[in-house]
Amino acid sequence: MSVENKCVFLDKFWIMTVSEAFGDVADVLAQLSPEKIIGLKASTKMSERVELLTNFKKEGIITLEQTQELERFLALNMFINLAKARARVLLVQ
């Protein structure tokens, strides 16, 4: 298990990593309506924005603010894909 996927014990408190927090929320969402979670899709506007930011990054002309925006989109994408994976598991059980 990688470091980012482990809880850290510090001063008698468990500190949850971002990956674990996303996983827990993804589990809850997947259980609410697996079919709807699997059907989630980014809007055309969002997809176009991500494509533009990705191209800026590839070309080396992305600003700090744009980099942060792209990272937020990528984190959201990771979260949605995690929820979809958990929903698929629920549907086959």
PDB file of N, CA and C in Angstrom:
ATOM      1  N   MET A   1       0.857  -1.180   0.000  1.00  0.00           N
ATOM      2  CA  MET A   1       0.000   0.000   0.000  1.00  0.00           C
ATOM      3  C   MET A   1       0.902   1.241   0.000  1.00  0.00           C
ATOM      4  N   SER A   2       0.608   2.194  -0.856  1.00  0.00           N
ATOM      5  CA  SER A   2       1.436   3.386  -0.939  1.00  0.00           C
ATOM      6  C   SER A   2       1.172   4.310   0.245  1.00  0.00           C
ATOM      7  N   VAL A   3       2.087   5.229   0.469  1.00  0.00           N
ATOM      8  CA  VAL A   3       1.988   6.152   1.598  1.00  0.00           C
ATOM      9  C   VAL A   3       0.710   6.980   1.531  1.00  0.00           C
ATOM     10  N   GLU A   4       0.327   7.446   0.328  1.00  0.00           N
ATOM     11  CA  GLU A   4      -0.854   8.294   0.222  1.00  0.00           C
ATOM     12  C   GLU A   4      -2.153   7.546   0.472  1.00  0.00           C
ATOM     13  N   ASN A   5      -2.099   6.203   0.503  1.00  0.00           N
ATOM     14  CA  ASN A   5      -3.298   5.420   0.753  1.00  0.00           C
ATOM     15  C   ASN A   5      -3.391   4.906   2.181  1.00  0.00           C
ATOM     16  N   LYS A   6      -2.528   5.361   3.061  1.00  0.00           N
ATOM     17  CA  LYS A   6      -2.528   4.920   4.446  1.00  0.00           C
ATOM     18  C   LYS A   6      -2.975   6.049   5.369  1.00  0.00           C
ATOM     19  N   CYS A   7      -3.610   5.669   6.462  1.00  0.00           N
ATOM     20  CA  CYS A   7      -3.900   6.636   7.514  1.00  0.00           C
ATOM     21  C   CYS A   7      -2.634   6.828   8.326  1.00  0.00           C
ATOM     22  N   VAL A   8      -2.448   8.009   8.853  1.00  0.00           N
ATOM     23  CA  VAL A   8      -1.288   8.315   9.664  1.00  0.00           C
ATOM     24  C   VAL A   8      -1.761   8.546  11.089  1.00  0.00           C
ATOM     25  N   PHE A   9      -1.087   7.898  12.040  1.00  0.00           N
ATOM     26  CA  PHE A   9      -1.451   8.084  13.442  1.00  0.00           C
ATOM     27  C   PHE A   9      -0.587   9.202  13.987  1.00  0.00           C
ATOM     28  N   LEU A  10      -1.209  10.263  14.473  1.00  0.00           N
ATOM     29  CA  LEU A  10      -0.481  11.423  14.967  1.00  0.00           C
ATOM     30  C   LEU A  10      -1.210  11.969  16.170  1.00  0.00           C
ATOM     31  N   ASP A  11      -0.524  12.040  17.291  1.00  0.00           N
ATOM     32  CA  ASP A  11      -1.096  12.588  18.518  1.00  0.00           C
ATOM     33  C   ASP A  11      -2.458  11.997  18.845  1.00  0.00           C
ATOM     34  N   LYS A  12      -2.559  10.668  18.775  1.00  0.00           N
ATOM     35  CA  LYS A  12      -3.765   9.928  19.132  1.00  0.00           C
ATOM     36  C   LYS A  12      -4.942  10.167  18.199  1.00  0.00           C
ATOM     37  N   PHE A  13      -4.726  10.717  17.030  1.00  0.00           N
ATOM     38  CA  PHE A  13      -5.786  10.950  16.046  1.00  0.00           C
ATOM     39  C   PHE A  13      -5.386  10.313  14.723  1.00  0.00           C
ATOM     40  N   TRP A  14      -6.364   9.694  14.084  1.00  0.00           N
ATOM     41  CA  TRP A  14      -6.118   9.165  12.748  1.00  0.00           C
ATOM     42  C   TRP A  14      -6.331  10.288  11.751  1.00  0.00           C
ATOM     43  N   ILE A  15      -5.399  10.465  10.869  1.00  0.00           N
ATOM     44  CA  ILE A  15      -5.520  11.476   9.823  1.00  0.00           C
ATOM     45  C   ILE A  15      -5.802  10.740   8.520  1.00  0.00           C
ATOM     46  N   MET A  16      -6.922  11.035   7.916  1.00  0.00           N
ATOM     47  CA  MET A  16      -7.321  10.370   6.682  1.00  0.00           C
ATOM     48  C   MET A  16      -6.688  11.080   5.491  1.00  0.00           C
ATOM     49  N   THR A  17      -6.162  10.301   4.564  1.00  0.00           N
ATOM     50  CA  THR A  17      -5.596  10.891   3.356  1.00  0.00           C
ATOM     51  C   THR A  17      -6.729  11.336   2.426  1.00  0.00           C
ATOM     52  N   VAL A  18      -6.402  12.154   1.467  1.00  0.00           N
ATOM     53  CA  VAL A  18      -7.385  12.611   0.492  1.00  0.00           C
ATOM     54  C   VAL A  18      -7.952  11.421  -0.280  1.00  0.00           C
ATOM     55  N   SER A  19      -7.093  10.481  -0.651  1.00  0.00           N
ATOM     56  CA  SER A  19      -7.559   9.306  -1.392  1.00  0.00           C
ATOM     57  C   SER A  19      -8.578   8.519  -0.587  1.00  0.00           C
ATOM     58  N   GLU A  20      -8.343   8.362   0.691  1.00  0.00           N
ATOM     59  CA  GLU A  20      -9.281   7.626   1.543  1.00  0.00           C
ATOM     60  C   GLU A  20     -10.589   8.385   1.696  1.00  0.00           C
ATOM     61  N   ALA A  21     -10.503   9.691   1.849  1.00  0.00           N
ATOM     62  CA  ALA A  21     -11.718  10.497   1.972  1.00  0.00           C
ATOM     63  C   ALA A  21     -12.540  10.404   0.692  1.00  0.00           C
ATOM     64  N   PHE A  22     -11.887  10.527  -0.456  1.00  0.00           N
ATOM     65  CA  PHE A  22     -12.584  10.388  -1.732  1.00  0.00           C
ATOM     66  C   PHE A  22     -13.228   9.009  -1.817  1.00  0.00           C
ATOM     67  N   GLY A  23     -12.496   7.984  -1.415  1.00  0.00           N
ATOM     68  CA  GLY A  23     -13.017   6.623  -1.478  1.00  0.00           C
ATOM     69  C   GLY A  23     -14.252   6.442  -0.624  1.00  0.00           C
ATOM     70  N   ASP A  24     -14.235   6.990   0.575  1.00  0.00           N
ATOM     71  CA  ASP A  24     -15.390   6.873   1.465  1.00  0.00           C
ATOM     72  C   ASP A  24     -16.616   7.571   0.891  1.00  0.00           C
ATOM     73  N   VAL A  25     -16.437   8.762   0.375  1.00  0.00           N
ATOM     74  CA  VAL A  25     -17.560   9.506  -0.206  1.00  0.00           C
ATOM     75  C   VAL A  25     -18.033   8.818  -1.481  1.00  0.00           C
ATOM     76  N   ALA A  26     -17.096   8.308  -2.257  1.00  0.00           N
ATOM     77  CA  ALA A  26     -17.461   7.584  -3.482  1.00  0.00           C
ATOM     78  C   ALA A  26     -18.306   6.356  -3.150  1.00  0.00           C
ATOM     79  N   ASP A  27     -17.973   5.666  -2.068  1.00  0.00           N
ATOM     80  CA  ASP A  27     -18.771   4.517  -1.634  1.00  0.00           C
ATOM     81  C   ASP A  27     -20.205   4.925  -1.337  1.00  0.00           C
ATOM     82  N   VAL A  28     -20.367   6.009  -0.606  1.00  0.00           N
ATOM     83  CA  VAL A  28     -21.709   6.474  -0.239  1.00  0.00           C
ATOM     84  C   VAL A  28     -22.500   6.862  -1.488  1.00  0.00           C
ATOM     85  N   LEU A  29     -21.880   7.615  -2.360  1.00  0.00           N
ATOM     86  CA  LEU A  29     -22.565   8.027  -3.590  1.00  0.00           C
ATOM     87  C   LEU A  29     -22.957   6.827  -4.438  1.00  0.00           C
ATOM     88  N   ALA A  30     -22.049   5.887  -4.573  1.00  0.00           N
ATOM     89  CA  ALA A  30     -22.323   4.710  -5.402  1.00  0.00           C
ATOM     90  C   ALA A  30     -23.511   3.933  -4.874  1.00  0.00           C
ATOM     91  N   GLN A  31     -23.668   3.882  -3.577  1.00  0.00           N
ATOM     92  CA  GLN A  31     -24.771   3.137  -2.976  1.00  0.00           C
ATOM     93  C   GLN A  31     -26.113   3.844  -3.159  1.00  0.00           C
ATOM     94  N   LEU A  32     -26.105   5.145  -3.306  1.00  0.00           N
ATOM     95  CA  LEU A  32     -27.356   5.888  -3.461  1.00  0.00           C
ATOM     96  C   LEU A  32     -28.075   5.512  -4.751  1.00  0.00           C
ATOM     97  N   SER A  33     -27.343   5.504  -5.831  1.00  0.00           N
ATOM     98  CA  SER A  33     -27.944   5.165  -7.120  1.00  0.00           C
ATOM     99  C   SER A  33     -26.836   4.756  -8.093  1.00  0.00           C
ATOM    100  N   PRO A  34     -26.442   3.486  -8.041  1.00  0.00           N
ATOM    101  CA  PRO A  34     -25.329   3.052  -8.895  1.00  0.00           C
ATOM    102  C   PRO A  34     -25.515   3.370 -10.371  1.00  0.00           C
ATOM    103  N   GLU A  35     -26.730   3.181 -10.878  1.00  0.00           N
ATOM    104  CA  GLU A  35     -26.976   3.429 -12.307  1.00  0.00           C
ATOM    105  C   GLU A  35     -26.742   4.901 -12.667  1.00  0.00           C
ATOM    106  N   LYS A  36     -27.190   5.789 -11.802  1.00  0.00           N
ATOM    107  CA  LYS A  36     -27.003   7.222 -12.082  1.00  0.00           C
ATOM    108  C   LYS A  36     -25.534   7.612 -11.991  1.00  0.00           C
ATOM    109  N   ILE A  37     -24.817   7.047 -11.029  1.00  0.00           N
ATOM    110  CA  ILE A  37     -23.397   7.358 -10.887  1.00  0.00           C
ATOM    111  C   ILE A  37     -22.641   6.902 -12.135  1.00  0.00           C
ATOM    112  N   ILE A  38     -22.935   5.700 -12.594  1.00  0.00           N
ATOM    113  CA  ILE A  38     -22.254   5.184 -13.791  1.00  0.00           C
ATOM    114  C   ILE A  38     -22.539   6.070 -15.003  1.00  0.00           C
ATOM    115  N   GLY A  39     -23.716   6.664 -15.056  1.00  0.00           N
ATOM    116  CA  GLY A  39     -24.102   7.506 -16.185  1.00  0.00           C
ATOM    117  C   GLY A  39     -23.567   8.929 -16.139  1.00  0.00           C
ATOM    118  N   LEU A  40     -22.880   9.299 -15.054  1.00  0.00           N
ATOM    119  CA  LEU A  40     -22.352  10.662 -14.965  1.00  0.00           C
ATOM    120  C   LEU A  40     -21.368  10.945 -16.094  1.00  0.00           C
ATOM    121  N   LYS A  41     -21.482  12.134 -16.660  1.00  0.00           N
ATOM    122  CA  LYS A  41     -20.606  12.531 -17.759  1.00  0.00           C
ATOM    123  C   LYS A  41     -20.360  14.035 -17.658  1.00  0.00           C
ATOM    124  N   ALA A  42     -19.148  14.429 -17.943  1.00  0.00           N
ATOM    125  CA  ALA A  42     -18.807  15.855 -17.912  1.00  0.00           C
ATOM    126  C   ALA A  42     -19.583  16.596 -18.993  1.00  0.00           C
ATOM    127  N   SER A  43     -19.919  17.833 -18.696  1.00  0.00           N
ATOM    128  CA  SER A  43     -20.596  18.665 -19.690  1.00  0.00           C
ATOM    129  C   SER A  43     -19.624  18.991 -20.825  1.00  0.00           C
ATOM    130  N   THR A  44     -20.181  19.362 -21.938  1.00  0.00           N
ATOM    131  CA  THR A  44     -19.347  19.763 -23.084  1.00  0.00           C
ATOM    132  C   THR A  44     -18.461  20.938 -22.703  1.00  0.00           C
ATOM    133  N   LYS A  45     -19.020  21.895 -21.985  1.00  0.00           N
ATOM    134  CA  LYS A  45     -18.262  23.081 -21.563  1.00  0.00           C
ATOM    135  C   LYS A  45     -17.073  22.678 -20.693  1.00  0.00           C
ATOM    136  N   MET A  46     -17.297  21.770 -19.750  1.00  0.00           N
ATOM    137  CA  MET A  46     -16.213  21.334 -18.874  1.00  0.00           C
ATOM    138  C   MET A  46     -15.149  20.579 -19.666  1.00  0.00           C
ATOM    139  N   SER A  47     -15.582  19.689 -20.540  1.00  0.00           N
ATOM    140  CA  SER A  47     -14.634  18.912 -21.351  1.00  0.00           C
ATOM    141  C   SER A  47     -13.776  19.822 -22.227  1.00  0.00           C
ATOM    142  N   GLU A  48     -14.394  20.824 -22.812  1.00  0.00           N
ATOM    143  CA  GLU A  48     -13.653  21.770 -23.650  1.00  0.00           C
ATOM    144  C   GLU A  48     -12.647  22.563 -22.833  1.00  0.00           C
ATOM    145  N   ARG A  49     -13.023  22.944 -21.620  1.00  0.00           N
ATOM    146  CA  ARG A  49     -12.121  23.705 -20.751  1.00  0.00           C
ATOM    147  C   ARG A  49     -10.921  22.848 -20.360  1.00  0.00           C
ATOM    148  N   VAL A  50     -11.162  21.610 -20.004  1.00  0.00           N
ATOM    149  CA  VAL A  50     -10.067  20.708 -19.632  1.00  0.00           C
ATOM    150  C   VAL A  50      -9.136  20.496 -20.820  1.00  0.00           C
ATOM    151  N   GLU A  51      -9.707  20.325 -21.998  1.00  0.00           N
ATOM    152  CA  GLU A  51      -8.885  20.152 -23.192  1.00  0.00           C
ATOM    153  C   GLU A  51      -8.019  21.383 -23.445  1.00  0.00           C
ATOM    154  N   LEU A  52      -8.599  22.559 -23.290  1.00  0.00           N
ATOM    155  CA  LEU A  52      -7.843  23.799 -23.486  1.00  0.00           C
ATOM    156  C   LEU A  52      -6.699  23.893 -22.473  1.00  0.00           C
ATOM    157  N   LEU A  53      -7.005  23.647 -21.208  1.00  0.00           N
ATOM    158  CA  LEU A  53      -5.972  23.727 -20.169  1.00  0.00           C
ATOM    159  C   LEU A  53      -4.877  22.686 -20.397  1.00  0.00           C
ATOM    160  N   THR A  54      -5.270  21.503 -20.829  1.00  0.00           N
ATOM    161  CA  THR A  54      -4.292  20.449 -21.116  1.00  0.00           C
ATOM    162  C   THR A  54      -3.375  20.879 -22.258  1.00  0.00           C
ATOM    163  N   ASN A  55      -3.944  21.488 -23.274  1.00  0.00           N
ATOM    164  CA  ASN A  55      -3.126  21.978 -24.392  1.00  0.00           C
ATOM    165  C   ASN A  55      -2.182  23.086 -23.938  1.00  0.00           C
ATOM    166  N   PHE A  56      -2.655  23.984 -23.082  1.00  0.00           N
ATOM    167  CA  PHE A  56      -1.785  25.036 -22.541  1.00  0.00           C
ATOM    168  C   PHE A  56      -0.600  24.408 -21.806  1.00  0.00           C
ATOM    169  N   LYS A  57      -0.889  23.372 -21.027  1.00  0.00           N
ATOM    170  CA  LYS A  57       0.169  22.703 -20.268  1.00  0.00           C
ATOM    171  C   LYS A  57       1.169  22.047 -21.211  1.00  0.00           C
ATOM    172  N   LYS A  58       0.673  21.355 -22.235  1.00  0.00           N
ATOM    173  CA  LYS A  58       1.557  20.698 -23.203  1.00  0.00           C
ATOM    174  C   LYS A  58       2.449  21.705 -23.922  1.00  0.00           C
ATOM    175  N   GLU A  59       1.873  22.892 -24.200  1.00  0.00           N
ATOM    176  CA  GLU A  59       2.613  23.931 -24.923  1.00  0.00           C
ATOM    177  C   GLU A  59       3.523  24.742 -24.010  1.00  0.00           C
ATOM    178  N   GLY A  60       3.405  24.523 -22.693  1.00  0.00           N
ATOM    179  CA  GLY A  60       4.247  25.242 -21.737  1.00  0.00           C
ATOM    180  C   GLY A  60       3.829  26.672 -21.498  1.00  0.00           C
ATOM    181  N   ILE A  61       2.550  26.994 -21.771  1.00  0.00           N
ATOM    182  CA  ILE A  61       2.092  28.379 -21.605  1.00  0.00           C
ATOM    183  C   ILE A  61       0.998  28.491 -20.534  1.00  0.00           C
ATOM    184  N   ILE A  62       0.882  27.489 -19.696  1.00  0.00           N
ATOM    185  CA  ILE A  62      -0.163  27.488 -18.681  1.00  0.00           C
ATOM    186  C   ILE A  62       0.269  28.366 -17.496  1.00  0.00           C
ATOM    187  N   THR A  63      -0.670  29.117 -16.958  1.00  0.00           N
ATOM    188  CA  THR A  63      -0.388  29.963 -15.802  1.00  0.00           C
ATOM    189  C   THR A  63      -0.578  29.142 -14.512  1.00  0.00           C
ATOM    190  N   LEU A  64      -0.152  29.701 -13.403  1.00  0.00           N
ATOM    191  CA  LEU A  64      -0.322  29.039 -12.115  1.00  0.00           C
ATOM    192  C   LEU A  64      -1.803  28.826 -11.812  1.00  0.00           C
ATOM    193  N   GLU A  65      -2.617  29.837 -12.059  1.00  0.00           N
ATOM    194  CA  GLU A  65      -4.051  29.726 -11.811  1.00  0.00           C
ATOM    195  C   GLU A  65      -4.687  28.645 -12.689  1.00  0.00           C
ATOM    196  N   GLN A  66      -4.262  28.591 -13.939  1.00  0.00           N
ATOM    197  CA  GLN A  66      -4.789  27.572 -14.851  1.00  0.00           C
ATOM    198  C   GLN A  66      -4.334  26.176 -14.430  1.00  0.00           C
ATOM    199  N   THR A  67      -3.110  26.064 -13.938  1.00  0.00           N
ATOM    200  CA  THR A  67      -2.611  24.786 -13.441  1.00  0.00           C
ATOM    201  C   THR A  67      -3.449  24.317 -12.263  1.00  0.00           C
ATOM    202  N   GLN A  68      -3.763  25.220 -11.365  1.00  0.00           N
ATOM    203  CA  GLN A  68      -4.589  24.870 -10.213  1.00  0.00           C
ATOM    204  C   GLN A  68      -5.991  24.457 -10.649  1.00  0.00           C
ATOM    205  N   GLU A  69      -6.533  25.167 -11.630  1.00  0.00           N
ATOM    206  CA  GLU A  69      -7.856  24.815 -12.161  1.00  0.00           C
ATOM    207  C   GLU A  69      -7.830  23.422 -12.786  1.00  0.00           C
ATOM    208  N   LEU A  70      -6.804  23.138 -13.576  1.00  0.00           N
ATOM    209  CA  LEU A  70      -6.665  21.825 -14.203  1.00  0.00           C
ATOM    210  C   LEU A  70      -6.539  20.740 -13.140  1.00  0.00           C
ATOM    211  N   GLU A  71      -5.781  20.993 -12.107  1.00  0.00           N
ATOM    212  CA  GLU A  71      -5.625  20.012 -11.031  1.00  0.00           C
ATOM    213  C   GLU A  71      -6.954  19.737 -10.331  1.00  0.00           C
ATOM    214  N   ARG A  72      -7.775  20.765 -10.152  1.00  0.00           N
ATOM    215  CA  ARG A  72      -9.105  20.561  -9.544  1.00  0.00           C
ATOM    216  C   ARG A  72      -9.981  19.702 -10.453  1.00  0.00           C
ATOM    217  N   PHE A  73      -9.947  19.968 -11.753  1.00  0.00           N
ATOM    218  CA  PHE A  73     -10.714  19.144 -12.695  1.00  0.00           C
ATOM    219  C   PHE A  73     -10.237  17.694 -12.653  1.00  0.00           C
ATOM    220  N   LEU A  74      -8.926  17.486 -12.610  1.00  0.00           N
ATOM    221  CA  LEU A  74      -8.383  16.134 -12.591  1.00  0.00           C
ATOM    222  C   LEU A  74      -8.732  15.409 -11.297  1.00  0.00           C
ATOM    223  N   ALA A  75      -8.727  16.127 -10.177  1.00  0.00           N
ATOM    224  CA  ALA A  75      -9.125  15.519  -8.902  1.00  0.00           C
ATOM    225  C   ALA A  75     -10.603  15.139  -8.940  1.00  0.00           C
ATOM    226  N   LEU A  76     -11.426  15.998  -9.503  1.00  0.00           N
ATOM    227  CA  LEU A  76     -12.851  15.693  -9.632  1.00  0.00           C
ATOM    228  C   LEU A  76     -13.051  14.479 -10.536  1.00  0.00           C
ATOM    229  N   ASN A  77     -12.317  14.415 -11.618  1.00  0.00           N
ATOM    230  CA  ASN A  77     -12.399  13.281 -12.534  1.00  0.00           C
ATOM    231  C   ASN A  77     -12.007  11.982 -11.822  1.00  0.00           C
ATOM    232  N   MET A  78     -10.941  12.041 -11.025  1.00  0.00           N
ATOM    233  CA  MET A  78     -10.520  10.868 -10.270  1.00  0.00           C
ATOM    234  C   MET A  78     -11.625  10.422  -9.315  1.00  0.00           C
ATOM    235  N   PHE A  79     -12.242  11.373  -8.644  1.00  0.00           N
ATOM    236  CA  PHE A  79     -13.308  11.075  -7.695  1.00  0.00           C
ATOM    237  C   PHE A  79     -14.516  10.441  -8.396  1.00  0.00           C
ATOM    238  N   ILE A  80     -14.928  11.009  -9.500  1.00  0.00           N
ATOM    239  CA  ILE A  80     -16.077  10.474 -10.244  1.00  0.00           C
ATOM    240  C   ILE A  80     -15.770   9.072 -10.756  1.00  0.00           C
ATOM    241  N   ASN A  81     -14.570   8.855 -11.273  1.00  0.00           N
ATOM    242  CA  ASN A  81     -14.204   7.522 -11.754  1.00  0.00           C
ATOM    243  C   ASN A  81     -14.170   6.506 -10.619  1.00  0.00           C
ATOM    244  N   LEU A  82     -13.735   6.927  -9.449  1.00  0.00           N
ATOM    245  CA  LEU A  82     -13.738   6.050  -8.285  1.00  0.00           C
ATOM    246  C   LEU A  82     -15.170   5.687  -7.899  1.00  0.00           C
ATOM    247  N   ALA A  83     -16.051   6.673  -7.895  1.00  0.00           N
ATOM    248  CA  ALA A  83     -17.461   6.416  -7.580  1.00  0.00           C
ATOM    249  C   ALA A  83     -18.077   5.473  -8.617  1.00  0.00           C
ATOM    250  N   LYS A  84     -17.742   5.668  -9.885  1.00  0.00           N
ATOM    251  CA  LYS A  84     -18.265   4.784 -10.938  1.00  0.00           C
ATOM    252  C   LYS A  84     -17.774   3.356 -10.743  1.00  0.00           C
ATOM    253  N   ALA A  85     -16.506   3.199 -10.400  1.00  0.00           N
ATOM    254  CA  ALA A  85     -15.959   1.857 -10.178  1.00  0.00           C
ATOM    255  C   ALA A  85     -16.673   1.177  -9.015  1.00  0.00           C
ATOM    256  N   ARG A  86     -16.890   1.915  -7.953  1.00  0.00           N
ATOM    257  CA  ARG A  86     -17.583   1.336  -6.801  1.00  0.00           C
ATOM    258  C   ARG A  86     -19.035   1.003  -7.150  1.00  0.00           C
ATOM    259  N   ALA A  87     -19.668   1.830  -7.969  1.00  0.00           N
ATOM    260  CA  ALA A  87     -21.048   1.574  -8.387  1.00  0.00           C
ATOM    261  C   ALA A  87     -21.121   0.312  -9.242  1.00  0.00           C
ATOM    262  N   ARG A  88     -20.154   0.110 -10.125  1.00  0.00           N
ATOM    263  CA  ARG A  88     -20.131  -1.090 -10.966  1.00  0.00           C
ATOM    264  C   ARG A  88     -20.006  -2.353 -10.111  1.00  0.00           C
ATOM    265  N   VAL A  89     -19.192  -2.276  -9.073  1.00  0.00           N
ATOM    266  CA  VAL A  89     -19.038  -3.415  -8.163  1.00  0.00           C
ATOM    267  C   VAL A  89     -20.387  -3.726  -7.500  1.00  0.00           C
ATOM    268  N   LEU A  90     -21.083  -2.691  -7.072  1.00  0.00           N
ATOM    269  CA  LEU A  90     -22.393  -2.897  -6.428  1.00  0.00           C
ATOM    270  C   LEU A  90     -23.390  -3.549  -7.379  1.00  0.00           C
ATOM    271  N   LEU A  91     -23.352  -3.174  -8.641  1.00  0.00           N
ATOM    272  CA  LEU A  91     -24.317  -3.717  -9.605  1.00  0.00           C
ATOM    273  C   LEU A  91     -24.085  -5.191  -9.924  1.00  0.00           C
ATOM    274  N   VAL A  92     -22.863  -5.661  -9.791  1.00  0.00           N
ATOM    275  CA  VAL A  92     -22.592  -7.068 -10.111  1.00  0.00           C
ATOM    276  C   VAL A  92     -22.749  -7.984  -8.893  1.00  0.00           C
ATOM    277  N   GLN A  93     -22.955  -7.398  -7.747  1.00  0.00           N
ATOM    278  CA  GLN A  93     -23.117  -8.220  -6.526  1.00  0.00           C
ATOM    279  C   GLN A  93     -24.512  -8.786  -6.425  1.00  0.00           C
TER     280      GLN A  93
END
